[in-house]
Amino acid sequence: MDLSRFSQQVTDAVGDESRALPPVDQWDPPFCGDMDMVIKLDGSWHYQNSPIGRQALVKLFSTVIKKEQDAYFLVTPVEKIGIQVEDVPFIVTQWQAEDDGIVFTTNVGERFTLSSNHPLELRMPPAAIEAPDTTPIPYVCVRTNLWARLHQNVYYQLIEHASKRIHEGMQQLYITSEYEPFVIGEVPAE
């Protein structure tokens, strides 16, 4: 698969970048094979073992990523290309409190408010970043079936703003967004 040709197909399908995200959930093109593209643990995109240096190209590709079962694809209305993702396709790199919500920003500049439409859940991290005493860490849903891991700095900043509670024998740290509590960490209560 030629990266320039596929990039042009994505540009043609997406059009003006200022528009809303393309309806990739409605696209079901035929599978055309795998591309030697990997989204690494740190959120960087690599093509043929080299980082993709053009952030605009990464942002463009990030608008057409889709997950089906456990596989990731880049899709256009006419083509579906398999890619590899080491953990999740996005990393939350920034956050800020706005009104009654917490707004997250991903490594590709996508912004969304933590809410029931963009929930947070605790998951075990991938083995490559797991320590012997690792507990589940927060991941947040960015789009349909596409998740982001909170960058360690964001996680530590949120811990500073978190409230504590005991729930079902667990001491939980939680943050509130859109009037809803979201657990960002928990350990057995003593």
C-alpha atoms as a PDB file:
ATOM      1  CA  MET A   1       0.000   0.000   0.000  1.00  0.00           C
ATOM      2  CA  ASP A   2       1.364   3.372  -1.052  1.00  0.00           C
ATOM      3  CA  LEU A   3       1.116   5.924   1.775  1.00  0.00           C
ATOM      4  CA  SER A   4       0.792   8.919  -0.591  1.00  0.00           C
ATOM      5  CA  ARG A   5      -2.027   7.333  -2.554  1.00  0.00           C
ATOM      6  CA  PHE A   6      -3.904   6.377   0.601  1.00  0.00           C
ATOM      7  CA  SER A   7      -3.279   9.843   2.069  1.00  0.00           C
ATOM      8  CA  GLN A   8      -4.859  11.388  -1.037  1.00  0.00           C
ATOM      9  CA  GLN A   9      -7.878   9.059  -0.724  1.00  0.00           C
ATOM     10  CA  VAL A  10      -8.328  10.130   2.900  1.00  0.00           C
ATOM     11  CA  THR A  11      -8.023  13.797   1.947  1.00  0.00           C
ATOM     12  CA  ASP A  12     -10.626  13.319  -0.784  1.00  0.00           C
ATOM     13  CA  ALA A  13     -12.976  11.523   1.630  1.00  0.00           C
ATOM     14  CA  VAL A  14     -12.531  13.901   4.557  1.00  0.00           C
ATOM     15  CA  GLY A  15     -12.345  17.151   2.616  1.00  0.00           C
ATOM     16  CA  ASP A  16     -12.034  20.342   4.636  1.00  0.00           C
ATOM     17  CA  GLU A  17     -10.362  19.578   7.994  1.00  0.00           C
ATOM     18  CA  SER A  18     -12.532  22.146   9.777  1.00  0.00           C
ATOM     19  CA  ARG A  19     -15.640  19.996   9.252  1.00  0.00           C
ATOM     20  CA  ALA A  20     -16.920  17.415  11.675  1.00  0.00           C
ATOM     21  CA  LEU A  21     -15.335  13.982  11.749  1.00  0.00           C
ATOM     22  CA  PRO A  22     -16.180  11.756   8.777  1.00  0.00           C
ATOM     23  CA  PRO A  23     -18.846   9.070   9.335  1.00  0.00           C
ATOM     24  CA  VAL A  24     -16.410   6.124   9.418  1.00  0.00           C
ATOM     25  CA  ASP A  25     -18.943   4.002  11.325  1.00  0.00           C
ATOM     26  CA  GLN A  26     -21.172   4.148   8.257  1.00  0.00           C
ATOM     27  CA  TRP A  27     -18.400   3.204   5.839  1.00  0.00           C
ATOM     28  CA  ASP A  28     -17.955  -0.514   5.155  1.00  0.00           C
ATOM     29  CA  PRO A  29     -15.544  -0.740   2.229  1.00  0.00           C
ATOM     30  CA  PRO A  30     -13.771  -3.965   1.250  1.00  0.00           C
ATOM     31  CA  PHE A  31     -10.604  -4.935   3.109  1.00  0.00           C
ATOM     32  CA  CYS A  32      -7.585  -4.158   0.939  1.00  0.00           C
ATOM     33  CA  GLY A  33      -4.774  -5.583   3.068  1.00  0.00           C
ATOM     34  CA  ASP A  34      -2.514  -4.404   5.842  1.00  0.00           C
ATOM     35  CA  MET A  35      -0.309  -1.337   5.817  1.00  0.00           C
ATOM     36  CA  ASP A  36       3.016  -1.307   7.652  1.00  0.00           C
ATOM     37  CA  MET A  37       1.736   1.342  10.062  1.00  0.00           C
ATOM     38  CA  VAL A  38       1.871   1.190  13.859  1.00  0.00           C
ATOM     39  CA  ILE A  39       0.535   3.481  16.567  1.00  0.00           C
ATOM     40  CA  LYS A  40       3.093   3.042  19.348  1.00  0.00           C
ATOM     41  CA  LEU A  41       2.464   3.002  23.112  1.00  0.00           C
ATOM     42  CA  ASP A  42       3.451   6.676  23.320  1.00  0.00           C
ATOM     43  CA  GLY A  43       0.825   7.633  20.709  1.00  0.00           C
ATOM     44  CA  SER A  44       3.314   8.243  17.898  1.00  0.00           C
ATOM     45  CA  TRP A  45       2.475   6.968  14.421  1.00  0.00           C
ATOM     46  CA  HIS A  46       5.088   5.010  12.439  1.00  0.00           C
ATOM     47  CA  TYR A  47       5.113   3.960   8.802  1.00  0.00           C
ATOM     48  CA  GLN A  48       7.626   1.283   7.749  1.00  0.00           C
ATOM     49  CA  ASN A  49       9.411   1.620  11.120  1.00  0.00           C
ATOM     50  CA  SER A  50       9.884   5.401  10.759  1.00  0.00           C
ATOM     51  CA  PRO A  51       7.925   8.012  12.686  1.00  0.00           C
ATOM     52  CA  ILE A  52       5.463  10.043  10.641  1.00  0.00           C
ATOM     53  CA  GLY A  53       6.836  13.535  11.184  1.00  0.00           C
ATOM     54  CA  ARG A  54       4.012  15.524   9.621  1.00  0.00           C
ATOM     55  CA  GLN A  55       1.514  16.122  12.424  1.00  0.00           C
ATOM     56  CA  ALA A  56      -1.092  17.240   9.867  1.00  0.00           C
ATOM     57  CA  LEU A  57      -0.914  13.798   8.223  1.00  0.00           C
ATOM     58  CA  VAL A  58      -1.236  12.028  11.588  1.00  0.00           C
ATOM     59  CA  LYS A  59      -4.261  14.210  12.434  1.00  0.00           C
ATOM     60  CA  LEU A  60      -5.809  13.401   9.069  1.00  0.00           C
ATOM     61  CA  PHE A  61      -5.319   9.644   9.510  1.00  0.00           C
ATOM     62  CA  SER A  62      -6.652   9.838  13.076  1.00  0.00           C
ATOM     63  CA  THR A  63     -10.016  11.002  11.703  1.00  0.00           C
ATOM     64  CA  VAL A  64     -10.509   7.789   9.707  1.00  0.00           C
ATOM     65  CA  ILE A  65      -9.446   5.154  12.222  1.00  0.00           C
ATOM     66  CA  LYS A  66     -11.959   2.442  13.047  1.00  0.00           C
ATOM     67  CA  LYS A  67     -11.913  -0.578  15.352  1.00  0.00           C
ATOM     68  CA  GLU A  68     -13.735  -3.816  14.548  1.00  0.00           C
ATOM     69  CA  GLN A  69     -13.489  -6.572  17.159  1.00  0.00           C
ATOM     70  CA  ASP A  70      -9.800  -6.363  18.183  1.00  0.00           C
ATOM     71  CA  ALA A  71      -8.466  -5.013  14.877  1.00  0.00           C
ATOM     72  CA  TYR A  72      -7.813  -1.424  13.799  1.00  0.00           C
ATOM     73  CA  PHE A  73      -8.275  -0.028  10.306  1.00  0.00           C
ATOM     74  CA  LEU A  74      -7.931   3.198   8.388  1.00  0.00           C
ATOM     75  CA  VAL A  75     -10.987   3.546   6.173  1.00  0.00           C
ATOM     76  CA  THR A  76     -12.227   5.621   3.287  1.00  0.00           C
ATOM     77  CA  PRO A  77     -15.555   5.086   1.533  1.00  0.00           C
ATOM     78  CA  VAL A  78     -13.778   2.738  -0.916  1.00  0.00           C
ATOM     79  CA  GLU A  79     -10.914   1.116   1.010  1.00  0.00           C
ATOM     80  CA  LYS A  80     -10.154  -0.445   4.420  1.00  0.00           C
ATOM     81  CA  ILE A  81      -6.505  -0.902   5.419  1.00  0.00           C
ATOM     82  CA  GLY A  82      -5.349  -2.794   8.519  1.00  0.00           C
ATOM     83  CA  ILE A  83      -2.906  -1.118  10.920  1.00  0.00           C
ATOM     84  CA  GLN A  84      -1.346  -2.144  14.241  1.00  0.00           C
ATOM     85  CA  VAL A  85      -2.011  -0.377  17.549  1.00  0.00           C
ATOM     86  CA  GLU A  86       0.188  -1.311  20.512  1.00  0.00           C
ATOM     87  CA  ASP A  87      -2.366  -0.195  23.128  1.00  0.00           C
ATOM     88  CA  VAL A  88      -4.947   2.427  22.133  1.00  0.00           C
ATOM     89  CA  PRO A  89      -4.870   4.933  19.261  1.00  0.00           C
ATOM     90  CA  PHE A  90      -4.936   8.092  21.402  1.00  0.00           C
ATOM     91  CA  ILE A  91      -3.226   9.580  24.452  1.00  0.00           C
ATOM     92  CA  VAL A  92      -4.874  12.302  26.539  1.00  0.00           C
ATOM     93  CA  THR A  93      -2.123  14.914  26.825  1.00  0.00           C
ATOM     94  CA  GLN A  94      -4.023  17.840  28.367  1.00  0.00           C
ATOM     95  CA  TRP A  95      -7.065  18.555  30.493  1.00  0.00           C
ATOM     96  CA  GLN A  96      -8.856  21.572  31.844  1.00  0.00           C
ATOM     97  CA  ALA A  97     -11.938  22.313  33.885  1.00  0.00           C
ATOM     98  CA  GLU A  98     -14.602  24.147  31.882  1.00  0.00           C
ATOM     99  CA  ASP A  99     -17.938  25.034  33.453  1.00  0.00           C
ATOM    100  CA  ASP A 100     -19.100  21.774  35.102  1.00  0.00           C
ATOM    101  CA  GLY A 101     -16.988  19.482  32.946  1.00  0.00           C
ATOM    102  CA  ILE A 102     -13.484  18.212  32.445  1.00  0.00           C
ATOM    103  CA  VAL A 103     -12.302  18.684  28.885  1.00  0.00           C
ATOM    104  CA  PHE A 104      -9.620  16.354  27.573  1.00  0.00           C
ATOM    105  CA  THR A 105      -7.348  16.987  24.583  1.00  0.00           C
ATOM    106  CA  THR A 106      -5.639  14.083  22.799  1.00  0.00           C
ATOM    107  CA  ASN A 107      -2.230  13.909  21.175  1.00  0.00           C
ATOM    108  CA  VAL A 108      -3.908  14.678  17.816  1.00  0.00           C
ATOM    109  CA  GLY A 109      -5.743  17.745  19.128  1.00  0.00           C
ATOM    110  CA  GLU A 110      -9.194  16.201  19.498  1.00  0.00           C
ATOM    111  CA  ARG A 111     -11.170  17.761  22.379  1.00  0.00           C
ATOM    112  CA  PHE A 112     -14.117  16.270  24.241  1.00  0.00           C
ATOM    113  CA  THR A 113     -15.778  16.514  27.624  1.00  0.00           C
ATOM    114  CA  LEU A 114     -15.651  13.598  30.056  1.00  0.00           C
ATOM    115  CA  SER A 115     -19.281  12.459  30.257  1.00  0.00           C
ATOM    116  CA  SER A 116     -21.569   9.471  29.814  1.00  0.00           C
ATOM    117  CA  ASN A 117     -20.911   9.827  26.050  1.00  0.00           C
ATOM    118  CA  HIS A 118     -17.156   9.815  26.695  1.00  0.00           C
ATOM    119  CA  PRO A 119     -16.865   7.591  29.788  1.00  0.00           C
ATOM    120  CA  LEU A 120     -13.754   6.708  31.734  1.00  0.00           C
ATOM    121  CA  GLU A 121     -12.934   3.168  32.840  1.00  0.00           C
ATOM    122  CA  LEU A 122     -10.073   1.509  34.668  1.00  0.00           C
ATOM    123  CA  ARG A 123      -8.062  -1.104  32.760  1.00  0.00           C
ATOM    124  CA  MET A 124      -4.837  -2.941  33.267  1.00  0.00           C
ATOM    125  CA  PRO A 125      -2.088  -1.273  31.229  1.00  0.00           C
ATOM    126  CA  PRO A 126      -0.279  -3.210  28.506  1.00  0.00           C
ATOM    127  CA  ALA A 127       2.538  -5.481  29.668  1.00  0.00           C
ATOM    128  CA  ALA A 128       5.175  -3.126  28.238  1.00  0.00           C
ATOM    129  CA  ILE A 129       4.327  -0.439  30.832  1.00  0.00           C
ATOM    130  CA  GLU A 130       3.080  -2.660  33.629  1.00  0.00           C
ATOM    131  CA  ALA A 131       5.063  -2.835  36.879  1.00  0.00           C
ATOM    132  CA  PRO A 132       4.869  -5.760  39.336  1.00  0.00           C
ATOM    133  CA  ASP A 133       2.421  -3.927  41.639  1.00  0.00           C
ATOM    134  CA  THR A 134       0.432  -2.259  38.872  1.00  0.00           C
ATOM    135  CA  THR A 135      -3.190  -1.398  39.431  1.00  0.00           C
ATOM    136  CA  PRO A 136      -5.694  -0.552  36.714  1.00  0.00           C
ATOM    137  CA  ILE A 137      -5.246   2.876  35.110  1.00  0.00           C
ATOM    138  CA  PRO A 138      -7.796   5.216  33.483  1.00  0.00           C
ATOM    139  CA  TYR A 139      -8.761   5.062  29.824  1.00  0.00           C
ATOM    140  CA  VAL A 140     -11.418   7.272  28.272  1.00  0.00           C
ATOM    141  CA  CYS A 141     -13.642   6.704  25.245  1.00  0.00           C
ATOM    142  CA  VAL A 142     -12.849   9.253  22.526  1.00  0.00           C
ATOM    143  CA  ARG A 143     -15.177   7.980  19.805  1.00  0.00           C
ATOM    144  CA  THR A 144     -17.148   4.829  19.089  1.00  0.00           C
ATOM    145  CA  ASN A 145     -14.966   1.920  20.224  1.00  0.00           C
ATOM    146  CA  LEU A 146     -11.821   4.128  20.193  1.00  0.00           C
ATOM    147  CA  TRP A 147     -10.113   4.813  23.496  1.00  0.00           C
ATOM    148  CA  ALA A 148      -7.318   6.962  24.882  1.00  0.00           C
ATOM    149  CA  ARG A 149      -4.993   6.316  27.782  1.00  0.00           C
ATOM    150  CA  LEU A 150      -4.363   9.240  30.105  1.00  0.00           C
ATOM    151  CA  HIS A 151      -0.758  10.418  29.872  1.00  0.00           C
ATOM    152  CA  GLN A 152       1.021   9.950  33.184  1.00  0.00           C
ATOM    153  CA  ASN A 153       1.304  13.734  33.744  1.00  0.00           C
ATOM    154  CA  VAL A 154      -2.444  14.197  33.166  1.00  0.00           C
ATOM    155  CA  TYR A 155      -3.180  11.310  35.498  1.00  0.00           C
ATOM    156  CA  TYR A 156      -1.040  12.791  38.300  1.00  0.00           C
ATOM    157  CA  GLN A 157      -2.627  16.234  37.839  1.00  0.00           C
ATOM    158  CA  LEU A 158      -6.118  14.716  38.079  1.00  0.00           C
ATOM    159  CA  ILE A 159      -5.136  12.824  41.236  1.00  0.00           C
ATOM    160  CA  GLU A 160      -4.358  16.215  42.818  1.00  0.00           C
ATOM    161  CA  HIS A 161      -7.935  17.336  42.062  1.00  0.00           C
ATOM    162  CA  ALA A 162      -9.649  14.055  42.921  1.00  0.00           C
ATOM    163  CA  SER A 163     -11.984  13.391  45.815  1.00  0.00           C
ATOM    164  CA  LYS A 164     -11.905  10.197  47.899  1.00  0.00           C
ATOM    165  CA  ARG A 165     -14.630   7.782  48.890  1.00  0.00           C
ATOM    166  CA  ILE A 166     -15.043   4.213  50.110  1.00  0.00           C
ATOM    167  CA  HIS A 167     -17.225   2.122  47.809  1.00  0.00           C
ATOM    168  CA  GLU A 168     -17.782  -1.650  48.096  1.00  0.00           C
ATOM    169  CA  GLY A 169     -14.611  -2.155  50.117  1.00  0.00           C
ATOM    170  CA  MET A 170     -12.444  -0.052  47.813  1.00  0.00           C
ATOM    171  CA  GLN A 171     -10.923   3.363  48.445  1.00  0.00           C
ATOM    172  CA  GLN A 172     -11.620   5.284  45.260  1.00  0.00           C
ATOM    173  CA  LEU A 173     -10.241   8.487  43.825  1.00  0.00           C
ATOM    174  CA  TYR A 174     -12.796  10.144  41.582  1.00  0.00           C
ATOM    175  CA  ILE A 175     -13.315  13.293  39.578  1.00  0.00           C
ATOM    176  CA  THR A 176     -16.648  14.848  38.661  1.00  0.00           C
ATOM    177  CA  SER A 177     -17.577  15.996  35.172  1.00  0.00           C
ATOM    178  CA  GLU A 178     -21.044  16.919  33.927  1.00  0.00           C
ATOM    179  CA  TYR A 179     -22.273  16.181  37.488  1.00  0.00           C
ATOM    180  CA  GLU A 180     -21.186  12.548  37.220  1.00  0.00           C
ATOM    181  CA  PRO A 181     -18.379  10.891  39.237  1.00  0.00           C
ATOM    182  CA  PHE A 182     -15.643   9.017  37.346  1.00  0.00           C
ATOM    183  CA  VAL A 183     -13.252   6.759  39.251  1.00  0.00           C
ATOM    184  CA  ILE A 184      -9.624   7.353  38.244  1.00  0.00           C
ATOM    185  CA  GLY A 185      -8.055   4.961  40.715  1.00  0.00           C
ATOM    186  CA  GLU A 186      -8.887   2.524  43.471  1.00  0.00           C
ATOM    187  CA  VAL A 187      -7.182   0.317  46.010  1.00  0.00           C
ATOM    188  CA  PRO A 188      -8.591  -2.003  48.669  1.00  0.00           C
ATOM    189  CA  ALA A 189      -9.756  -0.008  51.703  1.00  0.00           C
ATOM    190  CA  GLU A 190      -7.832  -0.698  54.887  1.00  0.00           C
END
